[in-house]
Structure formats: structure tokens, C-alpha cells
């Protein structure tokens, strides 16, 4: 089993423990663990106040990643081959 698979199983265990009403693991504990592991892997991850407005969440994100821009739309593919039916 690869290290990645082991990590996935650990995270799945945290999530399942949080979903189990007899477990001591809360949803907040699971969220903290997931965010922590994502950040340690270099992936931007955020914890938002569930009552925060979209503007407040956007401001929190921009405070950490001020230059974050959505990716540009994909460019159309260009081809130099003649179109079918238009060949001499």
C-alpha cells in the first residue's frame, strides 16, 4: 500500500469517526485535521465561519491569497489540416 493510500485511509477514518455518534471525534475535529493535512501538503485550505457572508469569506481568502485569480478559459485548438469535404 502506498503512502498516499495510507493517508487517504487515515483521513477516511477521521471522517467516519466524526460521523459516529458514539465517537469522541467531533465534526470540528475532523475539519481541523483535514485542513491541517491539506495545508501541510501545500494545498490552500480554509475554515470559514458558517454564519459568515460570502463577502466575508472572500475577504478571508484574499487575505491569504491576494493574487488568486480564476484560471483563464481554455484556448481553442488550432489545426492546419484541411477540413473534411473541402479537399481538392
PDB file of N, CA and C in Angstrom:
ATOM      1  N   UNK A   1       0.855  -1.176   0.000  1.00  0.00           N
ATOM      2  CA  UNK A   1       0.000   0.000   0.000  1.00  0.00           C
ATOM      3  C   UNK A   1       0.903   1.242   0.000  1.00  0.00           C
ATOM      4  N   UNK A   2       0.602   2.187  -0.865  1.00  0.00           N
ATOM      5  CA  UNK A   2       1.435   3.382  -0.987  1.00  0.00           C
ATOM      6  C   UNK A   2       1.168   4.342   0.173  1.00  0.00           C
ATOM      7  N   UNK A   3       2.084   5.272   0.362  1.00  0.00           N
ATOM      8  CA  UNK A   3       1.931   6.271   1.425  1.00  0.00           C
ATOM      9  C   UNK A   3       0.673   7.105   1.201  1.00  0.00           C
ATOM     10  N   UNK A   4       0.376   7.380  -0.053  1.00  0.00           N
ATOM     11  CA  UNK A   4      -0.829   8.162  -0.368  1.00  0.00           C
ATOM     12  C   UNK A   4      -2.093   7.411   0.044  1.00  0.00           C
ATOM     13  N   UNK A   5      -2.111   6.119  -0.235  1.00  0.00           N
ATOM     14  CA  UNK A   5      -3.270   5.307   0.144  1.00  0.00           C
ATOM     15  C   UNK A   5      -3.423   5.236   1.661  1.00  0.00           C
ATOM     16  N   UNK A   6      -2.309   5.151   2.367  1.00  0.00           N
ATOM     17  CA  UNK A   6      -2.348   5.128   3.830  1.00  0.00           C
ATOM     18  C   UNK A   6      -2.930   6.435   4.356  1.00  0.00           C
ATOM     19  N   UNK A   7      -2.488   7.557   3.802  1.00  0.00           N
ATOM     20  CA  UNK A   7      -3.021   8.862   4.217  1.00  0.00           C
ATOM     21  C   UNK A   7      -4.513   8.962   3.944  1.00  0.00           C
ATOM     22  N   UNK A   8      -4.941   8.477   2.781  1.00  0.00           N
ATOM     23  CA  UNK A   8      -6.370   8.503   2.440  1.00  0.00           C
ATOM     24  C   UNK A   8      -7.178   7.692   3.437  1.00  0.00           C
ATOM     25  N   UNK A   9      -6.671   6.522   3.811  1.00  0.00           N
ATOM     26  CA  UNK A   9      -7.375   5.688   4.779  1.00  0.00           C
ATOM     27  C   UNK A   9      -7.449   6.361   6.144  1.00  0.00           C
ATOM     28  N   UNK A  10      -6.380   7.036   6.546  1.00  0.00           N
ATOM     29  CA  UNK A  10      -6.392   7.757   7.821  1.00  0.00           C
ATOM     30  C   UNK A  10      -7.438   8.864   7.807  1.00  0.00           C
ATOM     31  N   UNK A  11      -7.477   9.622   6.718  1.00  0.00           N
ATOM     32  CA  UNK A  11      -8.462  10.698   6.619  1.00  0.00           C
ATOM     33  C   UNK A  11      -9.879  10.140   6.592  1.00  0.00           C
ATOM     34  N   UNK A  12     -10.071   9.038   5.892  1.00  0.00           N
ATOM     35  CA  UNK A  12     -11.394   8.407   5.867  1.00  0.00           C
ATOM     36  C   UNK A  12     -11.784   7.969   7.275  1.00  0.00           C
ATOM     37  N   UNK A  13     -10.825   7.462   8.034  1.00  0.00           N
ATOM     38  CA  UNK A  13     -11.084   7.066   9.417  1.00  0.00           C
ATOM     39  C   UNK A  13     -11.498   8.243  10.281  1.00  0.00           C
ATOM     40  N   UNK A  14     -10.854   9.388  10.090  1.00  0.00           N
ATOM     41  CA  UNK A  14     -11.215  10.597  10.839  1.00  0.00           C
ATOM     42  C   UNK A  14     -12.645  11.011  10.506  1.00  0.00           C
ATOM     43  N   UNK A  15     -12.986  10.983   9.231  1.00  0.00           N
ATOM     44  CA  UNK A  15     -14.334  11.375   8.802  1.00  0.00           C
ATOM     45  C   UNK A  15     -15.373  10.411   9.371  1.00  0.00           C
ATOM     46  N   UNK A  16     -15.096   9.112   9.278  1.00  0.00           N
ATOM     47  CA  UNK A  16     -16.043   8.124   9.796  1.00  0.00           C
ATOM     48  C   UNK A  16     -16.196   8.242  11.305  1.00  0.00           C
ATOM     49  N   UNK A  17     -15.109   8.518  12.007  1.00  0.00           N
ATOM     50  CA  UNK A  17     -15.193   8.689  13.457  1.00  0.00           C
ATOM     51  C   UNK A  17     -16.058   9.894  13.806  1.00  0.00           C
ATOM     52  N   UNK A  18     -15.936  10.965  13.036  1.00  0.00           N
ATOM     53  CA  UNK A  18     -16.740  12.163  13.295  1.00  0.00           C
ATOM     54  C   UNK A  18     -18.218  11.899  13.019  1.00  0.00           C
ATOM     55  N   UNK A  19     -18.521  10.995  12.108  1.00  0.00           N
ATOM     56  CA  UNK A  19     -19.911  10.679  11.776  1.00  0.00           C
ATOM     57  C   UNK A  19     -20.537   9.706  12.768  1.00  0.00           C
ATOM     58  N   UNK A  20     -19.727   9.040  13.553  1.00  0.00           N
ATOM     59  CA  UNK A  20     -20.213   8.061  14.522  1.00  0.00           C
ATOM     60  C   UNK A  20     -20.649   8.777  15.800  1.00  0.00           C
ATOM     61  N   UNK A  21     -21.935   8.688  16.182  1.00  0.00           N
ATOM     62  CA  UNK A  21     -22.401   9.395  17.379  1.00  0.00           C
ATOM     63  C   UNK A  21     -21.774   8.883  18.675  1.00  0.00           C
ATOM     64  N   UNK A  22     -21.214   7.681  18.668  1.00  0.00           N
ATOM     65  CA  UNK A  22     -20.585   7.132  19.870  1.00  0.00           C
ATOM     66  C   UNK A  22     -19.107   7.501  19.971  1.00  0.00           C
ATOM     67  N   UNK A  23     -18.579   8.177  18.976  1.00  0.00           N
ATOM     68  CA  UNK A  23     -17.165   8.545  18.938  1.00  0.00           C
ATOM     69  C   UNK A  23     -16.928   9.856  19.685  1.00  0.00           C
ATOM     70  N   UNK A  24     -15.712  10.020  20.156  1.00  0.00           N
ATOM     71  CA  UNK A  24     -15.313  11.266  20.812  1.00  0.00           C
ATOM     72  C   UNK A  24     -14.844  12.311  19.803  1.00  0.00           C
ATOM     73  N   UNK A  25     -14.744  11.939  18.530  1.00  0.00           N
ATOM     74  CA  UNK A  25     -14.275  12.842  17.483  1.00  0.00           C
ATOM     75  C   UNK A  25     -15.455  13.666  16.973  1.00  0.00           C
ATOM     76  N   UNK A  26     -15.317  14.989  17.027  1.00  0.00           N
ATOM     77  CA  UNK A  26     -16.393  15.873  16.564  1.00  0.00           C
ATOM     78  C   UNK A  26     -16.167  16.249  15.098  1.00  0.00           C
ATOM     79  N   UNK A  27     -17.191  16.811  14.502  1.00  0.00           N
ATOM     80  CA  UNK A  27     -17.067  17.293  13.121  1.00  0.00           C
ATOM     81  C   UNK A  27     -16.000  18.376  13.038  1.00  0.00           C
ATOM     82  N   UNK A  28     -15.912  19.207  14.070  1.00  0.00           N
ATOM     83  CA  UNK A  28     -14.895  20.268  14.090  1.00  0.00           C
ATOM     84  C   UNK A  28     -13.491  19.674  14.144  1.00  0.00           C
ATOM     85  N   UNK A  29     -13.325  18.590  14.920  1.00  0.00           N
ATOM     86  CA  UNK A  29     -12.022  17.914  14.981  1.00  0.00           C
ATOM     87  C   UNK A  29     -11.629  17.380  13.605  1.00  0.00           C
ATOM     88  N   UNK A  30     -12.585  16.761  12.937  1.00  0.00           N
ATOM     89  CA  UNK A  30     -12.317  16.213  11.603  1.00  0.00           C
ATOM     90  C   UNK A  30     -11.975  17.329  10.628  1.00  0.00           C
ATOM     91  N   UNK A  31     -12.722  18.426  10.694  1.00  0.00           N
ATOM     92  CA  UNK A  31     -12.452  19.557   9.798  1.00  0.00           C
ATOM     93  C   UNK A  31     -11.052  20.112  10.038  1.00  0.00           C
ATOM     94  N   UNK A  32     -10.685  20.296  11.302  1.00  0.00           N
ATOM     95  CA  UNK A  32      -9.345  20.801  11.624  1.00  0.00           C
ATOM     96  C   UNK A  32      -8.263  19.878  11.073  1.00  0.00           C
ATOM     97  N   UNK A  33      -8.466  18.573  11.223  1.00  0.00           N
ATOM     98  CA  UNK A  33      -7.477  17.606  10.738  1.00  0.00           C
ATOM     99  C   UNK A  33      -7.354  17.655   9.216  1.00  0.00           C
ATOM    100  N   UNK A  34      -8.484  17.719   8.526  1.00  0.00           N
ATOM    101  CA  UNK A  34      -8.454  17.779   7.060  1.00  0.00           C
ATOM    102  C   UNK A  34      -7.773  19.052   6.570  1.00  0.00           C
ATOM    103  N   UNK A  35      -8.098  20.176   7.183  1.00  0.00           N
ATOM    104  CA  UNK A  35      -7.488  21.449   6.782  1.00  0.00           C
ATOM    105  C   UNK A  35      -5.991  21.428   7.079  1.00  0.00           C
ATOM    106  N   UNK A  36      -5.618  20.907   8.235  1.00  0.00           N
ATOM    107  CA  UNK A  36      -4.205  20.840   8.608  1.00  0.00           C
ATOM    108  C   UNK A  36      -3.409  19.990   7.618  1.00  0.00           C
ATOM    109  N   UNK A  37      -3.936  18.838   7.258  1.00  0.00           N
ATOM    110  CA  UNK A  37      -3.223  17.967   6.320  1.00  0.00           C
ATOM    111  C   UNK A  37      -3.143  18.597   4.931  1.00  0.00           C
ATOM    112  N   UNK A  38      -4.196  19.273   4.524  1.00  0.00           N
ATOM    113  CA  UNK A  38      -4.170  19.943   3.218  1.00  0.00           C
ATOM    114  C   UNK A  38      -3.102  21.028   3.210  1.00  0.00           C
ATOM    115  N   UNK A  39      -3.063  21.833   4.262  1.00  0.00           N
ATOM    116  CA  UNK A  39      -2.058  22.904   4.335  1.00  0.00           C
ATOM    117  C   UNK A  39      -0.649  22.336   4.355  1.00  0.00           C
ATOM    118  N   UNK A  40      -0.446  21.246   5.102  1.00  0.00           N
ATOM    119  CA  UNK A  40       0.878  20.617   5.153  1.00  0.00           C
ATOM    120  C   UNK A  40       1.299  20.084   3.789  1.00  0.00           C
ATOM    121  N   UNK A  41       0.328  19.755   2.956  1.00  0.00           N
ATOM    122  CA  UNK A  41       0.622  19.269   1.603  1.00  0.00           C
ATOM    123  C   UNK A  41       0.785  20.421   0.619  1.00  0.00           C
ATOM    124  N   UNK A  42       0.642  21.660   1.103  1.00  0.00           N
ATOM    125  CA  UNK A  42       0.806  22.816   0.229  1.00  0.00           C
ATOM    126  C   UNK A  42      -0.451  23.205  -0.519  1.00  0.00           C
ATOM    127  N   UNK A  43      -1.589  22.689  -0.088  1.00  0.00           N
ATOM    128  CA  UNK A  43      -2.860  22.991  -0.740  1.00  0.00           C
ATOM    129  C   UNK A  43      -3.580  24.060   0.073  1.00  0.00           C
ATOM    130  N   UNK A  44      -4.022  25.139  -0.557  1.00  0.00           N
ATOM    131  CA  UNK A  44      -4.770  26.155   0.190  1.00  0.00           C
ATOM    132  C   UNK A  44      -6.051  25.546   0.764  1.00  0.00           C
ATOM    133  N   UNK A  45      -6.250  25.726   2.049  1.00  0.00           N
ATOM    134  CA  UNK A  45      -7.456  25.219   2.708  1.00  0.00           C
ATOM    135  C   UNK A  45      -7.905  26.261   3.724  1.00  0.00           C
ATOM    136  N   UNK A  46      -9.196  26.398   3.875  1.00  0.00           N
ATOM    137  CA  UNK A  46      -9.747  27.442   4.735  1.00  0.00           C
ATOM    138  C   UNK A  46     -10.805  26.870   5.659  1.00  0.00           C
ATOM    139  N   UNK A  47     -10.942  27.500   6.816  1.00  0.00           N
ATOM    140  CA  UNK A  47     -12.035  27.213   7.734  1.00  0.00           C
ATOM    141  C   UNK A  47     -12.836  28.498   7.857  1.00  0.00           C
ATOM    142  N   UNK A  48     -14.079  28.433   7.426  1.00  0.00           N
ATOM    143  CA  UNK A  48     -14.931  29.615   7.445  1.00  0.00           C
ATOM    144  C   UNK A  48     -15.968  29.509   8.550  1.00  0.00           C
ATOM    145  N   UNK A  49     -16.342  30.658   9.076  1.00  0.00           N
ATOM    146  CA  UNK A  49     -17.467  30.740   9.992  1.00  0.00           C
ATOM    147  C   UNK A  49     -18.712  30.399   9.176  1.00  0.00           C
ATOM    148  N   UNK A  50     -19.498  29.410   9.596  1.00  0.00           N
ATOM    149  CA  UNK A  50     -20.670  29.047   8.795  1.00  0.00           C
ATOM    150  C   UNK A  50     -21.687  30.173   8.668  1.00  0.00           C
ATOM    151  N   UNK A  51     -21.641  31.136   9.574  1.00  0.00           N
ATOM    152  CA  UNK A  51     -22.580  32.255   9.519  1.00  0.00           C
ATOM    153  C   UNK A  51     -22.020  33.453   8.756  1.00  0.00           C
ATOM    154  N   UNK A  52     -20.790  33.347   8.278  1.00  0.00           N
ATOM    155  CA  UNK A  52     -20.173  34.467   7.555  1.00  0.00           C
ATOM    156  C   UNK A  52     -20.821  34.624   6.186  1.00  0.00           C
ATOM    157  N   UNK A  53     -20.864  35.860   5.734  1.00  0.00           N
ATOM    158  CA  UNK A  53     -21.423  36.144   4.412  1.00  0.00           C
ATOM    159  C   UNK A  53     -20.406  35.736   3.338  1.00  0.00           C
ATOM    160  N   UNK A  54     -20.855  35.583   2.102  1.00  0.00           N
ATOM    161  CA  UNK A  54     -19.901  35.280   1.026  1.00  0.00           C
ATOM    162  C   UNK A  54     -18.810  36.346   0.909  1.00  0.00           C
ATOM    163  N   UNK A  55     -19.166  37.604   1.155  1.00  0.00           N
ATOM    164  CA  UNK A  55     -18.166  38.681   1.088  1.00  0.00           C
ATOM    165  C   UNK A  55     -17.107  38.510   2.174  1.00  0.00           C
ATOM    166  N   UNK A  56     -17.522  38.110   3.381  1.00  0.00           N
ATOM    167  CA  UNK A  56     -16.561  37.897   4.466  1.00  0.00           C
ATOM    168  C   UNK A  56     -15.646  36.712   4.147  1.00  0.00           C
ATOM    169  N   UNK A  57     -16.212  35.672   3.581  1.00  0.00           N
ATOM    170  CA  UNK A  57     -15.399  34.508   3.207  1.00  0.00           C
ATOM    171  C   UNK A  57     -14.415  34.874   2.098  1.00  0.00           C
ATOM    172  N   UNK A  58     -14.868  35.662   1.146  1.00  0.00           N
ATOM    173  CA  UNK A  58     -13.995  36.116   0.055  1.00  0.00           C
ATOM    174  C   UNK A  58     -12.848  36.953   0.620  1.00  0.00           C
ATOM    175  N   UNK A  59     -13.161  37.847   1.567  1.00  0.00           N
ATOM    176  CA  UNK A  59     -12.131  38.692   2.172  1.00  0.00           C
ATOM    177  C   UNK A  59     -11.112  37.840   2.924  1.00  0.00           C
ATOM    178  N   UNK A  60     -11.576  36.814   3.626  1.00  0.00           N
ATOM    179  CA  UNK A  60     -10.670  35.927   4.351  1.00  0.00           C
ATOM    180  C   UNK A  60      -9.744  35.202   3.376  1.00  0.00           C
ATOM    181  N   UNK A  61     -10.282  34.764   2.267  1.00  0.00           N
ATOM    182  CA  UNK A  61      -9.480  34.077   1.260  1.00  0.00           C
ATOM    183  C   UNK A  61      -8.455  35.017   0.641  1.00  0.00           C
ATOM    184  N   UNK A  62      -8.883  36.227   0.287  1.00  0.00           N
ATOM    185  CA  UNK A  62      -7.968  37.187  -0.341  1.00  0.00           C
ATOM    186  C   UNK A  62      -6.870  37.636   0.609  1.00  0.00           C
ATOM    187  N   UNK A  63      -7.135  37.622   1.918  1.00  0.00           N
ATOM    188  CA  UNK A  63      -6.107  37.998   2.885  1.00  0.00           C
ATOM    189  C   UNK A  63      -4.944  37.007   2.847  1.00  0.00           C
ATOM    190  N   UNK A  64      -5.238  35.756   2.550  1.00  0.00           N
ATOM    191  CA  UNK A  64      -4.205  34.725   2.495  1.00  0.00           C
ATOM    192  C   UNK A  64      -3.614  34.600   1.096  1.00  0.00           C
ATOM    193  N   UNK A  65      -4.475  34.764   0.080  1.00  0.00           N
ATOM    194  CA  UNK A  65      -4.061  34.601  -1.313  1.00  0.00           C
ATOM    195  C   UNK A  65      -4.481  35.839  -2.101  1.00  0.00           C
ATOM    196  N   UNK A  66      -3.787  36.961  -1.912  1.00  0.00           N
ATOM    197  CA  UNK A  66      -4.243  38.204  -2.539  1.00  0.00           C
ATOM    198  C   UNK A  66      -4.222  38.193  -4.063  1.00  0.00           C
ATOM    199  N   UNK A  67      -3.363  37.407  -4.666  1.00  0.00           N
ATOM    200  CA  UNK A  67      -3.239  37.414  -6.122  1.00  0.00           C
ATOM    201  C   UNK A  67      -4.006  36.279  -6.786  1.00  0.00           C
ATOM    202  N   UNK A  68      -4.839  35.597  -6.026  1.00  0.00           N
ATOM    203  CA  UNK A  68      -5.567  34.461  -6.594  1.00  0.00           C
ATOM    204  C   UNK A  68      -6.535  34.937  -7.664  1.00  0.00           C
ATOM    205  N   UNK A  69      -6.378  34.384  -8.819  1.00  0.00           N
ATOM    206  CA  UNK A  69      -7.247  34.697  -9.952  1.00  0.00           C
ATOM    207  C   UNK A  69      -7.799  33.388 -10.494  1.00  0.00           C
ATOM    208  N   UNK A  70      -9.008  33.417 -11.017  1.00  0.00           N
ATOM    209  CA  UNK A  70      -9.501  32.183 -11.638  1.00  0.00           C
ATOM    210  C   UNK A  70      -8.662  31.856 -12.865  1.00  0.00           C
ATOM    211  N   UNK A  71      -8.561  30.586 -13.192  1.00  0.00           N
ATOM    212  CA  UNK A  71      -7.753  30.224 -14.363  1.00  0.00           C
ATOM    213  C   UNK A  71      -8.374  30.789 -15.630  1.00  0.00           C
ATOM    214  N   UNK A  72      -7.538  31.110 -16.615  1.00  0.00           N
ATOM    215  CA  UNK A  72      -8.085  31.636 -17.874  1.00  0.00           C
ATOM    216  C   UNK A  72      -8.888  30.555 -18.586  1.00  0.00           C
ATOM    217  N   UNK A  73      -9.831  30.961 -19.415  1.00  0.00           N
ATOM    218  CA  UNK A  73     -10.598  29.951 -20.155  1.00  0.00           C
ATOM    219  C   UNK A  73      -9.685  29.221 -21.133  1.00  0.00           C
ATOM    220  N   UNK A  74     -10.004  27.983 -21.440  1.00  0.00           N
ATOM    221  CA  UNK A  74      -9.145  27.239 -22.364  1.00  0.00           C
ATOM    222  C   UNK A  74      -9.154  27.868 -23.752  1.00  0.00           C
ATOM    223  N   UNK A  75      -7.994  27.829 -24.396  1.00  0.00           N
ATOM    224  CA  UNK A  75      -7.877  28.385 -25.749  1.00  0.00           C
ATOM    225  C   UNK A  75      -8.366  27.349 -26.744  1.00  0.00           C
ATOM    226  N   UNK A  76      -8.980  27.798 -27.823  1.00  0.00           N
ATOM    227  CA  UNK A  76      -9.432  26.829 -28.829  1.00  0.00           C
ATOM    228  C   UNK A  76      -8.234  26.179 -29.515  1.00  0.00           C
ATOM    229  N   UNK A  77      -8.414  24.946 -29.893  1.00  0.00           N
ATOM    230  CA  UNK A  77      -7.353  24.233 -30.599  1.00  0.00           C
ATOM    231  C   UNK A  77      -7.318  24.687 -32.049  1.00  0.00           C
ATOM    232  N   UNK A  78      -6.131  24.892 -32.554  1.00  0.00           N
ATOM    233  CA  UNK A  78      -5.961  25.277 -33.954  1.00  0.00           C
ATOM    234  C   UNK A  78      -5.386  24.090 -34.708  1.00  0.00           C
ATOM    235  N   UNK A  79      -5.823  23.941 -35.914  1.00  0.00           N
ATOM    236  CA  UNK A  79      -5.309  22.846 -36.724  1.00  0.00           C
ATOM    237  C   UNK A  79      -4.973  23.355 -38.116  1.00  0.00           C
ATOM    238  N   UNK A  80      -3.987  22.747 -38.714  1.00  0.00           N
ATOM    239  CA  UNK A  80      -3.623  23.138 -40.079  1.00  0.00           C
ATOM    240  C   UNK A  80      -4.121  22.109 -41.086  1.00  0.00           C
ATOM    241  N   UNK A  81      -4.768  21.045 -40.605  1.00  0.00           N
ATOM    242  CA  UNK A  81      -5.285  20.018 -41.510  1.00  0.00           C
ATOM    243  C   UNK A  81      -6.524  20.548 -42.226  1.00  0.00           C
ATOM    244  N   UNK A  82      -6.700  20.193 -43.490  1.00  0.00           N
ATOM    245  CA  UNK A  82      -7.895  20.649 -44.213  1.00  0.00           C
ATOM    246  C   UNK A  82      -9.146  20.008 -43.624  1.00  0.00           C
ATOM    247  N   UNK A  83     -10.228  20.731 -43.676  1.00  0.00           N
ATOM    248  CA  UNK A  83     -11.495  20.206 -43.190  1.00  0.00           C
ATOM    249  C   UNK A  83     -11.993  19.130 -44.135  1.00  0.00           C
ATOM    250  N   UNK A  84     -12.645  18.140 -43.607  1.00  0.00           N
ATOM    251  CA  UNK A  84     -13.170  17.055 -44.441  1.00  0.00           C
ATOM    252  C   UNK A  84     -14.196  17.606 -45.420  1.00  0.00           C
ATOM    253  N   UNK A  85     -14.167  17.151 -46.624  1.00  0.00           N
ATOM    254  CA  UNK A  85     -15.114  17.586 -47.639  1.00  0.00           C
ATOM    255  C   UNK A  85     -14.663  18.822 -48.394  1.00  0.00           C
ATOM    256  N   UNK A  86     -13.609  19.483 -47.955  1.00  0.00           N
ATOM    257  CA  UNK A  86     -13.114  20.685 -48.627  1.00  0.00           C
ATOM    258  C   UNK A  86     -11.777  20.434 -49.316  1.00  0.00           C
ATOM    259  N   UNK A  87     -11.397  19.178 -49.462  1.00  0.00           N
ATOM    260  CA  UNK A  87     -10.104  18.904 -50.083  1.00  0.00           C
ATOM    261  C   UNK A  87     -10.237  18.960 -51.607  1.00  0.00           C
ATOM    262  N   UNK A  88      -9.158  19.348 -52.327  1.00  0.00           N
ATOM    263  CA  UNK A  88      -9.216  19.496 -53.795  1.00  0.00           C
ATOM    264  C   UNK A  88      -9.443  18.217 -54.533  1.00  0.00           C
TER     265      UNK A  88
END
